[in-house]
Each structure stands twice: as structure tokens, then as C-alpha cells.
Amino acid sequence: MIYINCQVLYYKGMGIKEDIKSVLAKEAQTMTDVACKLYKSKNRRAAMSNLSQKLGNETIKFTEVKAIMDLLGYDIEFKKRKQTV
């Protein structure tokens, strides 16, 4: 599991797109605004299309996810699962 400030980011059942959208909603940010900042682009349509495509296809790089979370003021934390017997 990946935690973002005690919130499970990526877990069975939810895709990365839904997880990122959830954090965006909590922070009252749009994917377009984050895409423009992430790709340092003035072409909002191209930036949004690029990010949307990567999220939809689940081909976004981990470095891009880290950058998005950094832009939103979040840290990503890995936590070892408890062993089940």
C-alpha cells in the first residue's frame, strides 16, 4: 500500500486515476491546473490531454505521481503490510 498523509493512495479496487482525483478534490484543484504546472506548459489542452491519457491508460510514471503529490503538498509513504497467519 502507498499512503499519502495517512490516506491509502493506491490499493486494490481503486486505480491511480481515482486516487489522484480524490486528492485533487480534497485540495480544490483541477487536473488541468496541476497538468500545466507539472508539464510547465502554457498549452492547457495539450497538458491536460497528456496527463489524462497517462492516467486513463495507467501508464503514468511514479516520478510524475511524486511530482503531482509534491505540487499538492503531500508526501508518499510506503508502509509494510502486517503479516497474516
Protein backbone atom coordinates (compact mmCIF):
# COMPACT_ATOMS: atom_id res chain seq x y z
CA MET A 1 0.00 0.00 0.00
CA ILE A 2 1.06 3.56 -0.59
CA TYR A 3 -0.04 6.14 1.97
CA ILE A 4 -0.32 9.85 1.40
CA ASN A 5 -0.52 11.64 4.74
CA CYS A 6 -2.31 8.63 6.30
CA GLN A 7 -4.68 8.19 3.34
CA VAL A 8 -4.34 5.00 1.33
CA LEU A 9 -3.43 6.18 -2.17
CA TYR A 10 -3.22 3.01 -4.17
CA TYR A 11 -4.97 -0.11 -3.01
CA LYS A 12 -6.89 -2.96 -4.58
CA GLY A 13 -10.08 -1.73 -6.21
CA MET A 14 -9.05 1.86 -6.87
CA GLY A 15 -6.93 2.91 -9.79
CA ILE A 16 -4.30 5.62 -9.70
CA LYS A 17 -6.60 7.97 -11.64
CA GLU A 18 -9.32 7.80 -8.98
CA ASP A 19 -6.77 8.20 -6.20
CA ILE A 20 -5.24 11.32 -7.74
CA LYS A 21 -8.69 12.78 -8.46
CA SER A 22 -9.63 12.19 -4.83
CA VAL A 23 -6.61 14.15 -3.60
CA LEU A 24 -7.29 16.90 -6.16
CA ALA A 25 -10.85 17.23 -4.91
CA LYS A 26 -9.68 17.48 -1.28
CA GLU A 27 -7.31 20.26 -2.29
CA ALA A 28 -9.85 22.04 -4.53
CA GLN A 29 -7.51 21.77 -7.51
CA THR A 30 -8.29 20.82 -11.08
CA MET A 31 -6.39 18.26 -13.07
CA THR A 32 -5.83 20.93 -15.74
CA ASP A 33 -4.10 23.29 -13.30
CA VAL A 34 -1.88 20.51 -11.97
CA ALA A 35 -1.11 19.29 -15.51
CA CYS A 36 0.02 22.77 -16.59
CA LYS A 37 2.27 23.09 -13.54
CA LEU A 38 3.57 19.54 -13.91
CA TYR A 39 4.46 19.85 -17.59
CA LYS A 40 5.31 23.58 -17.35
CA SER A 41 3.07 24.19 -20.31
CA LYS A 42 1.03 27.20 -21.31
CA ASN A 43 -0.95 24.98 -23.66
CA ARG A 44 -3.61 23.85 -21.18
CA ARG A 45 -5.32 21.50 -23.63
CA ALA A 46 -2.11 19.62 -24.51
CA ALA A 47 -1.00 19.36 -20.88
CA MET A 48 -4.40 18.09 -19.75
CA SER A 49 -4.62 15.65 -22.64
CA ASN A 50 -1.16 14.27 -21.82
CA LEU A 51 -1.94 13.74 -18.13
CA SER A 52 -5.43 12.43 -18.76
CA GLN A 53 -4.14 9.89 -21.27
CA LYS A 54 -1.45 8.63 -18.90
CA LEU A 55 -3.93 8.28 -16.05
CA GLY A 56 -6.56 6.60 -18.21
CA ASN A 57 -4.07 4.09 -19.60
CA GLU A 58 -2.37 3.70 -16.20
CA THR A 59 0.98 4.48 -17.80
CA ILE A 60 1.90 7.42 -15.58
CA LYS A 61 5.42 7.22 -14.19
CA PHE A 62 5.97 7.07 -10.46
CA THR A 63 8.14 10.18 -10.71
CA GLU A 64 5.15 12.04 -12.18
CA VAL A 65 2.89 10.82 -9.37
CA LYS A 66 5.50 12.04 -6.85
CA ALA A 67 5.66 15.40 -8.63
CA ILE A 68 1.86 15.76 -8.58
CA MET A 69 1.72 14.96 -4.88
CA ASP A 70 4.58 17.38 -4.24
CA LEU A 71 2.69 20.14 -6.08
CA LEU A 72 -0.31 19.44 -3.85
CA GLY A 73 1.79 19.42 -0.68
CA TYR A 74 1.63 15.67 0.02
CA ASP A 75 4.29 13.09 0.84
CA ILE A 76 4.17 9.49 -0.32
CA GLU A 77 4.99 6.90 2.32
CA PHE A 78 5.45 3.16 1.95
CA LYS A 79 4.22 1.05 4.82
CA LYS A 80 4.90 -2.65 5.29
CA ARG A 81 1.80 -4.79 5.49
CA LYS A 82 1.08 -6.66 8.68
CA GLN A 83 1.79 -10.35 8.29
CA THR A 84 -1.30 -12.52 8.31
CA VAL A 85 -1.07 -16.06 9.59
